[in-house]
C-alpha atoms as a PDB file:
ATOM      1  CA  MET A   1       0.086   0.287   0.112  1.00  0.00           C
ATOM      2  CA  ALA A   2       2.837   2.984   0.891  1.00  0.00           C
ATOM      3  CA  ALA A   3       4.217   2.333  -2.505  1.00  0.00           C
ATOM      4  CA  LEU A   4       0.795   4.071  -3.723  1.00  0.00           C
ATOM      5  CA  THR A   5       1.258   6.741  -1.567  1.00  0.00           C
ATOM      6  CA  SER A   6       3.582   8.950  -2.969  1.00  0.00           C
ATOM      7  CA  GLU A   7       2.358  12.970  -3.302  1.00  0.00           C
ATOM      8  CA  ARG A   8       4.255  12.852  -6.651  1.00  0.00           C
ATOM      9  CA  SER A   9       1.224  11.100  -7.744  1.00  0.00           C
ATOM     10  CA  LEU A  10      -0.823  14.570  -7.726  1.00  0.00           C
ATOM     11  CA  GLN A  11       1.401  16.353  -9.909  1.00  0.00           C
ATOM     12  CA  TYR A  12       0.133  15.741 -13.694  1.00  0.00           C
ATOM     13  CA  VAL A  13       2.714  15.202 -15.640  1.00  0.00           C
ATOM     14  CA  PRO A  14       2.115  13.474 -19.256  1.00  0.00           C
ATOM     15  CA  GLU A  15       4.697  11.037 -20.322  1.00  0.00           C
ATOM     16  CA  PRO A  16       3.523   9.546 -23.182  1.00  0.00           C
ATOM     17  CA  LEU A  17       5.813   6.345 -22.809  1.00  0.00           C
ATOM     18  CA  GLY A  18       5.655   6.558 -19.288  1.00  0.00           C
ATOM     19  CA  LEU A  19       7.290   8.194 -16.697  1.00  0.00           C
ATOM     20  CA  ALA A  20      11.048   7.872 -16.564  1.00  0.00           C
ATOM     21  CA  GLU A  21      11.873   6.338 -13.212  1.00  0.00           C
ATOM     22  CA  ALA A  22       8.982   3.200 -14.120  1.00  0.00           C
ATOM     23  CA  ARG A  23      10.625   2.930 -17.309  1.00  0.00           C
ATOM     24  CA  ALA A  24      13.813   2.548 -15.360  1.00  0.00           C
ATOM     25  CA  ALA A  25      12.264  -0.137 -13.292  1.00  0.00           C
ATOM     26  CA  VAL A  26      11.434  -1.869 -16.384  1.00  0.00           C
ATOM     27  CA  CYS A  27      14.459  -1.892 -17.604  1.00  0.00           C
ATOM     28  CA  GLU A  28      16.439  -2.854 -14.012  1.00  0.00           C
ATOM     29  CA  TYR A  29      14.123  -6.297 -14.777  1.00  0.00           C
ATOM     30  CA  TYR A  30      15.512  -7.065 -17.782  1.00  0.00           C
ATOM     31  CA  ARG A  31      18.882  -6.654 -16.531  1.00  0.00           C
ATOM     32  CA  ALA A  32      18.231  -9.145 -14.515  1.00  0.00           C
ATOM     33  CA  HIS A  33      17.245 -11.024 -17.530  1.00  0.00           C
ATOM     34  CA  ASN A  34      20.938  -9.982 -19.247  1.00  0.00           C
ATOM     35  CA  ALA A  35      19.009  -7.845 -21.361  1.00  0.00           C
ATOM     36  CA  ALA A  36      20.458  -4.275 -21.852  1.00  0.00           C
ATOM     37  CA  VAL A  37      17.126  -2.377 -22.504  1.00  0.00           C
ATOM     38  CA  LEU A  38      17.299   1.625 -22.377  1.00  0.00           C
ATOM     39  CA  PRO A  39      14.010   3.414 -21.018  1.00  0.00           C
ATOM     40  CA  ASN A  40      13.793   5.618 -24.553  1.00  0.00           C
ATOM     41  CA  GLN A  41      12.818   1.701 -25.739  1.00  0.00           C
ATOM     42  CA  VAL A  42      10.277   1.286 -23.207  1.00  0.00           C
ATOM     43  CA  CYS A  43       6.777   1.806 -23.376  1.00  0.00           C
ATOM     44  CA  LEU A  44       4.370   1.713 -20.310  1.00  0.00           C
ATOM     45  CA  THR A  45       0.395   0.368 -20.940  1.00  0.00           C
ATOM     46  CA  THR A  46      -2.112  -0.456 -18.930  1.00  0.00           C
ATOM     47  CA  SER A  47      -2.649  -4.434 -19.693  1.00  0.00           C
ATOM     48  CA  THR A  48      -1.076  -6.635 -22.719  1.00  0.00           C
ATOM     49  CA  SER A  49      -3.831  -6.231 -24.341  1.00  0.00           C
ATOM     50  CA  GLU A  50      -3.599  -2.769 -24.965  1.00  0.00           C
ATOM     51  CA  ALA A  51      -0.126  -3.424 -25.320  1.00  0.00           C
ATOM     52  CA  TYR A  52      -1.482  -5.532 -28.421  1.00  0.00           C
ATOM     53  CA  SER A  53      -3.562  -3.029 -29.517  1.00  0.00           C
ATOM     54  CA  PHE A  54      -0.931  -0.660 -29.997  1.00  0.00           C
ATOM     55  CA  LEU A  55       0.954  -2.392 -31.709  1.00  0.00           C
ATOM     56  CA  PHE A  56      -1.741  -3.823 -34.021  1.00  0.00           C
ATOM     57  CA  ARG A  57      -2.490   0.134 -34.782  1.00  0.00           C
ATOM     58  CA  LEU A  58       1.165   0.729 -35.649  1.00  0.00           C
ATOM     59  CA  LEU A  59       1.683  -2.195 -37.972  1.00  0.00           C
ATOM     60  CA  CYS A  60      -1.551  -2.868 -39.665  1.00  0.00           C
ATOM     61  CA  ASP A  61      -4.095  -1.330 -42.236  1.00  0.00           C
ATOM     62  CA  PRO A  62      -7.565  -2.484 -41.660  1.00  0.00           C
ATOM     63  CA  GLY A  63      -7.101  -5.923 -43.049  1.00  0.00           C
ATOM     64  CA  ASP A  64      -4.002  -6.345 -42.799  1.00  0.00           C
ATOM     65  CA  GLU A  65      -2.456  -9.804 -41.145  1.00  0.00           C
ATOM     66  CA  VAL A  66      -0.466 -10.922 -38.423  1.00  0.00           C
ATOM     67  CA  LEU A  67       0.450 -14.863 -37.943  1.00  0.00           C
ATOM     68  CA  ILE A  68      -0.078 -16.872 -34.097  1.00  0.00           C
ATOM     69  CA  ALA A  69       0.460 -20.122 -33.609  1.00  0.00           C
ATOM     70  CA  GLN A  70      -2.132 -22.468 -32.863  1.00  0.00           C
ATOM     71  CA  PRO A  71      -2.797 -23.865 -30.011  1.00  0.00           C
ATOM     72  CA  SER A  72      -2.643 -20.351 -28.075  1.00  0.00           C
ATOM     73  CA  TYR A  73      -4.538 -18.037 -25.712  1.00  0.00           C
ATOM     74  CA  PRO A  74      -8.034 -17.371 -27.132  1.00  0.00           C
ATOM     75  CA  LEU A  75      -7.909 -13.344 -26.752  1.00  0.00           C
ATOM     76  CA  PHE A  76      -6.069 -12.516 -29.329  1.00  0.00           C
ATOM     77  CA  ASP A  77      -9.089 -13.363 -31.571  1.00  0.00           C
ATOM     78  CA  PHE A  78     -11.142 -10.812 -30.087  1.00  0.00           C
ATOM     79  CA  LEU A  79      -7.758  -8.055 -29.533  1.00  0.00           C
ATOM     80  CA  ALA A  80      -7.581  -8.680 -33.365  1.00  0.00           C
ATOM     81  CA  ASP A  81     -11.025  -8.493 -34.428  1.00  0.00           C
ATOM     82  CA  LEU A  82     -11.405  -4.960 -32.432  1.00  0.00           C
ATOM     83  CA  ASP A  83      -8.248  -3.443 -34.412  1.00  0.00           C
ATOM     84  CA  SER A  84      -9.877  -5.020 -37.944  1.00  0.00           C
ATOM     85  CA  VAL A  85      -6.565  -7.244 -38.533  1.00  0.00           C
ATOM     86  CA  ARG A  86      -6.815 -10.460 -39.647  1.00  0.00           C
ATOM     87  CA  LEU A  87      -5.021 -13.454 -37.775  1.00  0.00           C
ATOM     88  CA  VAL A  88      -3.782 -16.313 -39.365  1.00  0.00           C
ATOM     89  CA  SER A  89      -2.950 -19.119 -37.771  1.00  0.00           C
ATOM     90  CA  TYR A  90       0.152 -21.696 -38.371  1.00  0.00           C
ATOM     91  CA  PRO A  91      -0.176 -24.970 -36.493  1.00  0.00           C
ATOM     92  CA  LEU A  92       2.069 -26.678 -33.749  1.00  0.00           C
ATOM     93  CA  PHE A  93       2.423 -30.051 -33.485  1.00  0.00           C
ATOM     94  CA  TYR A  94       3.521 -32.404 -30.226  1.00  0.00           C
ATOM     95  CA  ASP A  95       6.961 -34.745 -30.515  1.00  0.00           C
ATOM     96  CA  HIS A  96       8.263 -35.235 -27.816  1.00  0.00           C
ATOM     97  CA  GLY A  97       7.795 -31.509 -26.995  1.00  0.00           C
ATOM     98  CA  TRP A  98       6.224 -29.037 -28.925  1.00  0.00           C
ATOM     99  CA  GLN A  99       7.302 -28.201 -32.108  1.00  0.00           C
ATOM    100  CA  THR A 100       7.256 -25.603 -35.660  1.00  0.00           C
ATOM    101  CA  GLU A 101       6.642 -27.666 -38.478  1.00  0.00           C
ATOM    102  CA  PRO A 102       9.312 -26.449 -40.633  1.00  0.00           C
ATOM    103  CA  GLY A 103       8.018 -24.089 -43.481  1.00  0.00           C
ATOM    104  CA  ALA A 104       4.406 -23.979 -42.180  1.00  0.00           C
ATOM    105  CA  ILE A 105       5.284 -19.957 -41.069  1.00  0.00           C
ATOM    106  CA  GLU A 106       6.671 -19.193 -44.589  1.00  0.00           C
ATOM    107  CA  ALA A 107       3.875 -21.068 -46.355  1.00  0.00           C
ATOM    108  CA  ARG A 108       1.537 -18.568 -44.587  1.00  0.00           C
ATOM    109  CA  LEU A 109       2.901 -15.376 -45.748  1.00  0.00           C
ATOM    110  CA  THR A 110       1.304 -13.344 -48.095  1.00  0.00           C
ATOM    111  CA  PRO A 111       2.048  -9.555 -49.358  1.00  0.00           C
ATOM    112  CA  ARG A 112      -0.742  -8.449 -46.300  1.00  0.00           C
ATOM    113  CA  THR A 113       1.352 -10.021 -43.389  1.00  0.00           C
ATOM    114  CA  ARG A 114       2.680  -7.574 -41.252  1.00  0.00           C
ATOM    115  CA  ALA A 115       3.893  -9.990 -38.265  1.00  0.00           C
ATOM    116  CA  ILE A 116       4.142 -12.801 -36.453  1.00  0.00           C
ATOM    117  CA  VAL A 117       3.136 -13.285 -32.735  1.00  0.00           C
ATOM    118  CA  VAL A 118       4.808 -15.709 -29.989  1.00  0.00           C
ATOM    119  CA  VAL A 119       3.938 -16.320 -26.685  1.00  0.00           C
ATOM    120  CA  HIS A 120       7.459 -17.130 -24.810  1.00  0.00           C
ATOM    121  CA  PRO A 121       6.361 -19.865 -22.701  1.00  0.00           C
ATOM    122  CA  ASN A 122       3.257 -20.544 -24.729  1.00  0.00           C
ATOM    123  CA  ASN A 123      -0.058 -20.039 -23.228  1.00  0.00           C
ATOM    124  CA  PRO A 124      -1.857 -22.853 -22.510  1.00  0.00           C
ATOM    125  CA  THR A 125       1.670 -25.771 -24.041  1.00  0.00           C
ATOM    126  CA  GLY A 126       4.243 -23.812 -21.574  1.00  0.00           C
ATOM    127  CA  HIS A 127       7.041 -24.463 -24.168  1.00  0.00           C
ATOM    128  CA  TYR A 128       9.544 -22.061 -24.658  1.00  0.00           C
ATOM    129  CA  VAL A 129      10.458 -20.553 -28.649  1.00  0.00           C
ATOM    130  CA  SER A 130      13.905 -22.881 -29.232  1.00  0.00           C
ATOM    131  CA  ALA A 131      16.875 -21.481 -29.911  1.00  0.00           C
ATOM    132  CA  ALA A 132      16.174 -23.050 -33.428  1.00  0.00           C
ATOM    133  CA  ASP A 133      12.714 -21.509 -33.813  1.00  0.00           C
ATOM    134  CA  ARG A 134      14.179 -18.310 -32.747  1.00  0.00           C
ATOM    135  CA  ALA A 135      16.901 -17.861 -35.379  1.00  0.00           C
ATOM    136  CA  GLU A 136      14.125 -18.914 -38.244  1.00  0.00           C
ATOM    137  CA  LEU A 137      11.651 -16.143 -36.741  1.00  0.00           C
ATOM    138  CA  ASN A 138      14.607 -13.713 -37.111  1.00  0.00           C
ATOM    139  CA  ARG A 139      15.278 -14.950 -40.426  1.00  0.00           C
ATOM    140  CA  LEU A 140      11.750 -14.876 -41.801  1.00  0.00           C
ATOM    141  CA  CYS A 141      11.131 -11.415 -39.958  1.00  0.00           C
ATOM    142  CA  ALA A 142      14.260  -9.598 -41.117  1.00  0.00           C
ATOM    143  CA  GLN A 143      13.482 -11.054 -45.132  1.00  0.00           C
ATOM    144  CA  HIS A 144      10.179 -10.084 -44.766  1.00  0.00           C
ATOM    145  CA  ARG A 145       9.820  -6.884 -43.328  1.00  0.00           C
ATOM    146  CA  LEU A 146       7.780  -8.046 -40.633  1.00  0.00           C
ATOM    147  CA  ALA A 147       7.469  -7.453 -36.880  1.00  0.00           C
ATOM    148  CA  LEU A 148       8.308 -10.176 -34.506  1.00  0.00           C
ATOM    149  CA  ILE A 149       5.921  -9.681 -31.386  1.00  0.00           C
ATOM    150  CA  VAL A 150       6.373 -11.504 -28.364  1.00  0.00           C
ATOM    151  CA  ASP A 151       4.391 -11.815 -25.200  1.00  0.00           C
ATOM    152  CA  GLU A 152       6.485 -13.219 -22.416  1.00  0.00           C
ATOM    153  CA  VAL A 153       4.456 -12.939 -19.473  1.00  0.00           C
ATOM    154  CA  PHE A 154       5.174 -15.907 -18.671  1.00  0.00           C
ATOM    155  CA  LEU A 155       8.980 -15.751 -19.088  1.00  0.00           C
ATOM    156  CA  ASP A 156       9.614 -16.187 -15.004  1.00  0.00           C
ATOM    157  CA  TYR A 157       7.900 -19.374 -14.124  1.00  0.00           C
ATOM    158  CA  ALA A 158      10.506 -21.810 -15.327  1.00  0.00           C
ATOM    159  CA  LEU A 159       9.033 -25.474 -14.585  1.00  0.00           C
ATOM    160  CA  GLY A 160      13.202 -26.244 -15.361  1.00  0.00           C
ATOM    161  CA  ALA A 161      15.841 -24.379 -17.274  1.00  0.00           C
ATOM    162  CA  PRO A 162      14.585 -21.277 -17.715  1.00  0.00           C
ATOM    163  CA  ALA A 163      15.446 -19.742 -21.222  1.00  0.00           C
ATOM    164  CA  PRO A 164      16.272 -16.342 -22.451  1.00  0.00           C
ATOM    165  CA  SER A 165      14.041 -13.183 -23.085  1.00  0.00           C
ATOM    166  CA  PHE A 166      13.491 -11.699 -26.645  1.00  0.00           C
ATOM    167  CA  ALA A 167      15.134  -8.455 -25.355  1.00  0.00           C
ATOM    168  CA  ALA A 168      18.614 -10.208 -24.690  1.00  0.00           C
ATOM    169  CA  GLY A 169      21.159 -10.551 -27.764  1.00  0.00           C
ATOM    170  CA  GLU A 170      21.303  -9.104 -31.156  1.00  0.00           C
ATOM    171  CA  HIS A 171      17.960  -8.181 -33.103  1.00  0.00           C
ATOM    172  CA  VAL A 172      18.000  -8.207 -36.698  1.00  0.00           C
ATOM    173  CA  ALA A 173      14.356  -7.708 -37.176  1.00  0.00           C
ATOM    174  CA  LEU A 174      12.034  -5.157 -35.598  1.00  0.00           C
ATOM    175  CA  THR A 175      11.131  -6.350 -32.036  1.00  0.00           C
ATOM    176  CA  PHE A 176       8.632  -6.249 -30.067  1.00  0.00           C
ATOM    177  CA  VAL A 177       8.733  -8.064 -26.077  1.00  0.00           C
ATOM    178  CA  LEU A 178       5.273  -7.159 -23.638  1.00  0.00           C
ATOM    179  CA  SER A 179       5.274  -8.241 -20.186  1.00  0.00           C
ATOM    180  CA  GLY A 180       3.758  -6.838 -17.065  1.00  0.00           C
ATOM    181  CA  LEU A 181       2.640  -6.990 -13.330  1.00  0.00           C
ATOM    182  CA  SER A 182      -0.128  -9.359 -13.671  1.00  0.00           C
ATOM    183  CA  LYS A 183       2.087 -12.111 -14.048  1.00  0.00           C
ATOM    184  CA  VAL A 184       5.519 -10.520 -13.362  1.00  0.00           C
ATOM    185  CA  ALA A 185       4.561 -10.075  -9.551  1.00  0.00           C
ATOM    186  CA  GLY A 186       1.278 -11.640  -9.465  1.00  0.00           C
ATOM    187  CA  LEU A 187      -0.673  -8.253  -9.435  1.00  0.00           C
ATOM    188  CA  PRO A 188      -3.215  -8.371 -12.268  1.00  0.00           C
ATOM    189  CA  GLN A 189      -4.906  -5.547 -10.302  1.00  0.00           C
ATOM    190  CA  MET A 190      -3.316  -3.490 -10.628  1.00  0.00           C
ATOM    191  CA  LYS A 191      -2.435  -2.708 -14.569  1.00  0.00           C
ATOM    192  CA  ALA A 192       1.150  -2.264 -15.192  1.00  0.00           C
ATOM    193  CA  SER A 193       2.331  -3.836 -18.232  1.00  0.00           C
ATOM    194  CA  TRP A 194       4.824  -2.835 -20.958  1.00  0.00           C
ATOM    195  CA  ILE A 195       6.317  -2.821 -25.179  1.00  0.00           C
ATOM    196  CA  VAL A 196      10.183  -3.162 -25.185  1.00  0.00           C
ATOM    197  CA  THR A 197      11.233  -2.113 -28.663  1.00  0.00           C
ATOM    198  CA  ALA A 198      14.359  -2.860 -30.337  1.00  0.00           C
ATOM    199  CA  GLY A 199      15.696  -3.886 -33.798  1.00  0.00           C
ATOM    200  CA  PRO A 200      17.912  -2.410 -36.368  1.00  0.00           C
ATOM    201  CA  ASP A 201      18.343   1.591 -35.583  1.00  0.00           C
ATOM    202  CA  GLU A 202      16.908   3.317 -37.957  1.00  0.00           C
ATOM    203  CA  LEU A 203      13.594   0.636 -37.772  1.00  0.00           C
ATOM    204  CA  GLU A 204      13.463   0.948 -33.941  1.00  0.00           C
ATOM    205  CA  ARG A 205      13.547   4.835 -34.387  1.00  0.00           C
ATOM    206  CA  GLU A 206      10.792   5.077 -36.626  1.00  0.00           C
ATOM    207  CA  ALA A 207       8.500   2.494 -34.586  1.00  0.00           C
ATOM    208  CA  LEU A 208       9.499   4.210 -31.164  1.00  0.00           C
ATOM    209  CA  ALA A 209       8.685   7.891 -32.807  1.00  0.00           C
ATOM    210  CA  ARG A 210       4.780   6.484 -34.007  1.00  0.00           C
ATOM    211  CA  LEU A 211       4.779   4.587 -30.915  1.00  0.00           C
ATOM    212  CA  GLU A 212       4.530   7.551 -28.669  1.00  0.00           C
ATOM    213  CA  LEU A 213       2.289   9.194 -30.946  1.00  0.00           C
ATOM    214  CA  ILE A 214      -0.022   6.487 -30.430  1.00  0.00           C
ATOM    215  CA  ALA A 215       0.518   6.391 -26.710  1.00  0.00           C
ATOM    216  CA  ASP A 216       0.296   9.996 -26.332  1.00  0.00           C
ATOM    217  CA  THR A 217      -3.398   9.925 -27.763  1.00  0.00           C
ATOM    218  CA  PHE A 218      -4.470   7.733 -25.008  1.00  0.00           C
ATOM    219  CA  LEU A 219      -1.992   8.726 -22.032  1.00  0.00           C
ATOM    220  CA  SER A 220      -3.965   5.939 -20.187  1.00  0.00           C
ATOM    221  CA  MET A 221      -0.940   4.730 -17.625  1.00  0.00           C
ATOM    222  CA  ASN A 222      -2.326   6.347 -14.058  1.00  0.00           C
ATOM    223  CA  ALA A 223       0.374   7.979 -11.769  1.00  0.00           C
ATOM    224  CA  PRO A 224       0.075   5.716  -8.811  1.00  0.00           C
ATOM    225  CA  VAL A 225       0.581   2.307  -9.958  1.00  0.00           C
ATOM    226  CA  GLN A 226       3.923   4.340 -11.910  1.00  0.00           C
ATOM    227  CA  HIS A 227       5.432   5.290  -9.143  1.00  0.00           C
ATOM    228  CA  ALA A 228       4.541   2.377  -7.163  1.00  0.00           C
ATOM    229  CA  LEU A 229       6.040   0.131 -10.505  1.00  0.00           C
ATOM    230  CA  PRO A 230       9.590   0.583  -9.069  1.00  0.00           C
ATOM    231  CA  ALA A 231       8.689  -0.965  -5.828  1.00  0.00           C
ATOM    232  CA  TRP A 232       6.332  -3.829  -7.016  1.00  0.00           C
ATOM    233  CA  LEU A 233       8.965  -5.067  -9.674  1.00  0.00           C
ATOM    234  CA  GLY A 234      11.424  -4.521  -6.922  1.00  0.00           C
ATOM    235  CA  GLY A 235       9.258  -7.101  -4.687  1.00  0.00           C
ATOM    236  CA  ARG A 236       8.448  -9.716  -7.093  1.00  0.00           C
ATOM    237  CA  GLY A 237      11.050 -12.258  -6.342  1.00  0.00           C
ATOM    238  CA  GLN A 238       8.496 -13.227  -3.197  1.00  0.00           C
ATOM    239  CA  ILE A 239       5.745 -13.619  -4.840  1.00  0.00           C
ATOM    240  CA  GLN A 240       7.551 -15.502  -7.936  1.00  0.00           C
ATOM    241  CA  SER A 241       9.377 -18.081  -5.643  1.00  0.00           C
ATOM    242  CA  GLN A 242       5.574 -18.834  -3.829  1.00  0.00           C
ATOM    243  CA  ILE A 243       3.949 -19.562  -7.310  1.00  0.00           C
ATOM    244  CA  THR A 244       7.114 -21.483  -8.507  1.00  0.00           C
ATOM    245  CA  ALA A 245       6.718 -23.814  -5.225  1.00  0.00           C
ATOM    246  CA  ARG A 246       3.402 -24.544  -5.964  1.00  0.00           C
ATOM    247  CA  THR A 247       3.525 -25.349  -9.682  1.00  0.00           C
ATOM    248  CA  ARG A 248       6.421 -27.352  -9.512  1.00  0.00           C
ATOM    249  CA  SER A 249       4.513 -29.400  -6.152  1.00  0.00           C
ATOM    250  CA  ASN A 250       1.381 -29.320  -8.062  1.00  0.00           C
ATOM    251  CA  LEU A 251       3.125 -30.445 -11.235  1.00  0.00           C
ATOM    252  CA  ALA A 252       4.899 -33.505  -9.521  1.00  0.00           C
ATOM    253  CA  VAL A 253       1.623 -34.651  -7.551  1.00  0.00           C
ATOM    254  CA  LEU A 254       0.145 -34.660 -11.271  1.00  0.00           C
ATOM    255  CA  ASP A 255       2.879 -36.828 -12.820  1.00  0.00           C
ATOM    256  CA  THR A 256       2.635 -39.500  -9.259  1.00  0.00           C
ATOM    257  CA  LEU A 257      -1.190 -39.524  -9.669  1.00  0.00           C
ATOM    258  CA  LEU A 258      -1.112 -40.521 -13.496  1.00  0.00           C
ATOM    259  CA  GLY A 259       1.643 -43.105 -13.511  1.00  0.00           C
ATOM    260  CA  ASP A 260       1.483 -45.747 -15.869  1.00  0.00           C
ATOM    261  CA  ASN A 261      -2.172 -44.595 -16.387  1.00  0.00           C
ATOM    262  CA  VAL A 262      -2.864 -45.035 -20.015  1.00  0.00           C
ATOM    263  CA  MET A 263      -6.050 -42.912 -20.728  1.00  0.00           C
ATOM    264  CA  VAL A 264      -4.835 -39.971 -19.456  1.00  0.00           C
ATOM    265  CA  SER A 265      -1.267 -38.854 -19.724  1.00  0.00           C
ATOM    266  CA  ARG A 266       0.265 -34.965 -19.694  1.00  0.00           C
ATOM    267  CA  LEU A 267       2.322 -33.284 -22.172  1.00  0.00           C
ATOM    268  CA  THR A 268       6.137 -32.059 -21.542  1.00  0.00           C
ATOM    269  CA  VAL A 269       5.462 -28.650 -20.352  1.00  0.00           C
ATOM    270  CA  GLU A 270       8.250 -26.106 -19.545  1.00  0.00           C
ATOM    271  CA  ALA A 271       7.142 -23.186 -17.880  1.00  0.00           C
ATOM    272  CA  GLY A 272       3.737 -21.197 -16.729  1.00  0.00           C
ATOM    273  CA  TRP A 273       1.638 -22.457 -14.565  1.00  0.00           C
ATOM    274  CA  TYR A 274      -0.899 -24.631 -17.224  1.00  0.00           C
ATOM    275  CA  ALA A 275      -0.597 -28.208 -17.642  1.00  0.00           C
ATOM    276  CA  VAL A 276      -2.084 -30.093 -21.109  1.00  0.00           C
ATOM    277  CA  LEU A 277      -3.635 -34.053 -20.486  1.00  0.00           C
ATOM    278  CA  ARG A 278      -4.181 -35.970 -23.087  1.00  0.00           C
ATOM    279  CA  VAL A 279      -7.782 -37.706 -22.518  1.00  0.00           C
ATOM    280  CA  PRO A 280      -9.754 -40.382 -23.786  1.00  0.00           C
ATOM    281  CA  ALA A 281     -11.745 -38.765 -27.066  1.00  0.00           C
ATOM    282  CA  VAL A 282     -14.568 -40.418 -26.286  1.00  0.00           C
ATOM    283  CA  GLY A 283     -16.850 -37.104 -27.018  1.00  0.00           C
ATOM    284  CA  SER A 284     -16.516 -33.720 -27.088  1.00  0.00           C
ATOM    285  CA  ASP A 285     -13.907 -31.581 -25.112  1.00  0.00           C
ATOM    286  CA  ASP A 286     -16.693 -29.159 -23.933  1.00  0.00           C
ATOM    287  CA  ALA A 287     -19.018 -31.895 -22.826  1.00  0.00           C
ATOM    288  CA  LEU A 288     -15.985 -33.379 -20.608  1.00  0.00           C
ATOM    289  CA  ALA A 289     -15.627 -30.173 -19.093  1.00  0.00           C
ATOM    290  CA  VAL A 290     -18.941 -29.526 -18.387  1.00  0.00           C
ATOM    291  CA  THR A 291     -19.997 -33.115 -16.940  1.00  0.00           C
ATOM    292  CA  LEU A 292     -16.352 -32.118 -14.475  1.00  0.00           C
ATOM    293  CA  ALA A 293     -17.807 -28.660 -13.413  1.00  0.00           C
ATOM    294  CA  GLU A 294     -21.250 -29.624 -13.069  1.00  0.00           C
ATOM    295  CA  THR A 295     -20.927 -33.719 -11.250  1.00  0.00           C
ATOM    296  CA  TRP A 296     -17.725 -33.857 -10.213  1.00  0.00           C
ATOM    297  CA  GLY A 297     -17.157 -30.106  -8.775  1.00  0.00           C
ATOM    298  CA  VAL A 298     -13.956 -29.707 -11.325  1.00  0.00           C
ATOM    299  CA  LEU A 299     -13.139 -26.819 -13.120  1.00  0.00           C
ATOM    300  CA  VAL A 300     -10.848 -27.546 -16.388  1.00  0.00           C
ATOM    301  CA  HIS A 301     -10.535 -25.775 -19.963  1.00  0.00           C
ATOM    302  CA  PRO A 302     -11.304 -27.492 -22.995  1.00  0.00           C
ATOM    303  CA  GLY A 303      -8.754 -28.194 -25.591  1.00  0.00           C
ATOM    304  CA  HIS A 304     -11.031 -26.287 -28.313  1.00  0.00           C
ATOM    305  CA  TYR A 305     -10.786 -23.339 -25.854  1.00  0.00           C
ATOM    306  CA  TYR A 306      -7.195 -22.789 -26.756  1.00  0.00           C
ATOM    307  CA  GLY A 307      -7.393 -23.818 -30.595  1.00  0.00           C
ATOM    308  CA  PHE A 308      -6.208 -27.956 -30.327  1.00  0.00           C
ATOM    309  CA  ASP A 309      -7.476 -29.538 -33.811  1.00  0.00           C
ATOM    310  CA  ARG A 310      -9.107 -32.091 -32.302  1.00  0.00           C
ATOM    311  CA  GLU A 311     -11.047 -33.669 -28.964  1.00  0.00           C
ATOM    312  CA  GLY A 312      -9.285 -35.225 -26.687  1.00  0.00           C
ATOM    313  CA  TRP A 313      -7.251 -32.449 -24.518  1.00  0.00           C
ATOM    314  CA  LEU A 314      -7.705 -31.103 -21.266  1.00  0.00           C
ATOM    315  CA  VAL A 315      -5.710 -27.472 -19.581  1.00  0.00           C
ATOM    316  CA  VAL A 316      -5.768 -27.599 -15.978  1.00  0.00           C
ATOM    317  CA  SER A 317      -4.254 -24.818 -13.846  1.00  0.00           C
ATOM    318  CA  LEU A 318      -1.118 -25.795 -11.659  1.00  0.00           C
ATOM    319  CA  LEU A 319      -2.074 -22.661  -9.157  1.00  0.00           C
ATOM    320  CA  PRO A 320      -4.491 -24.686  -6.776  1.00  0.00           C
ATOM    321  CA  PRO A 321      -3.697 -25.793  -3.324  1.00  0.00           C
ATOM    322  CA  LEU A 322      -1.589 -28.176  -3.001  1.00  0.00           C
ATOM    323  CA  ASP A 323      -4.791 -30.613  -1.330  1.00  0.00           C
ATOM    324  CA  GLU A 324      -7.024 -29.125  -3.690  1.00  0.00           C
ATOM    325  CA  PHE A 325      -5.047 -29.792  -6.810  1.00  0.00           C
ATOM    326  CA  LYS A 326      -4.830 -33.995  -5.946  1.00  0.00           C
ATOM    327  CA  GLN A 327      -8.124 -34.197  -5.406  1.00  0.00           C
ATOM    328  CA  GLY A 328      -9.448 -32.505  -8.205  1.00  0.00           C
ATOM    329  CA  ILE A 329      -6.963 -34.124 -10.437  1.00  0.00           C
ATOM    330  CA  GLU A 330      -8.470 -37.795  -8.768  1.00  0.00           C
ATOM    331  CA  ARG A 331     -11.361 -36.725  -9.810  1.00  0.00           C
ATOM    332  CA  VAL A 332     -10.377 -36.262 -13.826  1.00  0.00           C
ATOM    333  CA  LEU A 333      -9.016 -39.556 -13.211  1.00  0.00           C
ATOM    334  CA  SER A 334     -12.070 -41.213 -12.204  1.00  0.00           C
ATOM    335  CA  CYS A 335     -14.222 -39.498 -14.359  1.00  0.00           C
ATOM    336  CA  CYS A 336     -12.289 -40.052 -18.010  1.00  0.00           C
ATOM    337  CA  ALA A 337     -12.294 -43.825 -16.509  1.00  0.00           C
ATOM    338  CA  GLU A 338     -15.922 -44.099 -15.934  1.00  0.00           C
ATOM    339  CA  ARG A 339     -16.598 -41.980 -19.440  1.00  0.00           C
ATOM    340  CA  SER A 340     -14.233 -44.788 -21.504  1.00  0.00           C
ATOM    341  CA  ASP A 341     -16.568 -47.423 -19.698  1.00  0.00           C
ATOM    342  CA  LEU A 342     -19.533 -46.186 -21.371  1.00  0.00           C
END
């Protein structure tokens, strides 16, 4: 609470990209990820949803196209529709881990393609963009003069070895890296996110100038949250350690309960706080989710919610308290066994 009581919040300082001290705090966050980000590369927004809207306006005319992987988070469809942008999906496939089919992205490029969106780690699959895929994305974007938009809201929640941020390293293509307090500090109610812009000098300068104009038009970030941002980002370690301990413990419980179960298995997950379950495809995922909610008292997401292209998938949260999670998974297994016997 003390972070919100700064008297400086009573002064009106309309900085389109955000107050200098708040943007400096974002730079410190990336320093911990071995990325040298400067304050003038940072644009503050109230949410990553707003950040996407800013970038769609920056990069696209109505009817232009943005590529995104499937499965992925369904909110993107609504955000694109609001800004008259057409999303074009390219498929991920699972083979001992999630993969991008070679050539799948390039085959979907058209004269109206303006950007490629990747979520690192992906929601809900929990896989990081591999070094090989990262190199290919940079090659494609540089070759075709596309922007690369990277959503890293779950970056800090590794379930194994962490992966580097796209804010680090060389940027051969115009790149926008998104994140925010909702996941980084476990503060979704405080509405603070950001865009980091990087790339070849000329492209980066032009993009930042246009992005500043868009941000200046809205001036959406409020002063109290900006003044509190350094304290909240500085204290993120405590909540992150609690969340990571919870998700790792629940993942271990899940593996123990699955054991040698031949009907239900989980897919490899590297980060985030979801797990994807492969369940018997004896009916629709929607029907299974409804049955689990109404009869068994368990809430899950059906696979099609995230764009899985066939039945037989459930997405479960790794965030519930340990005993509650264990009981929920036991009920999922019982429900699937009963369903398969019908």
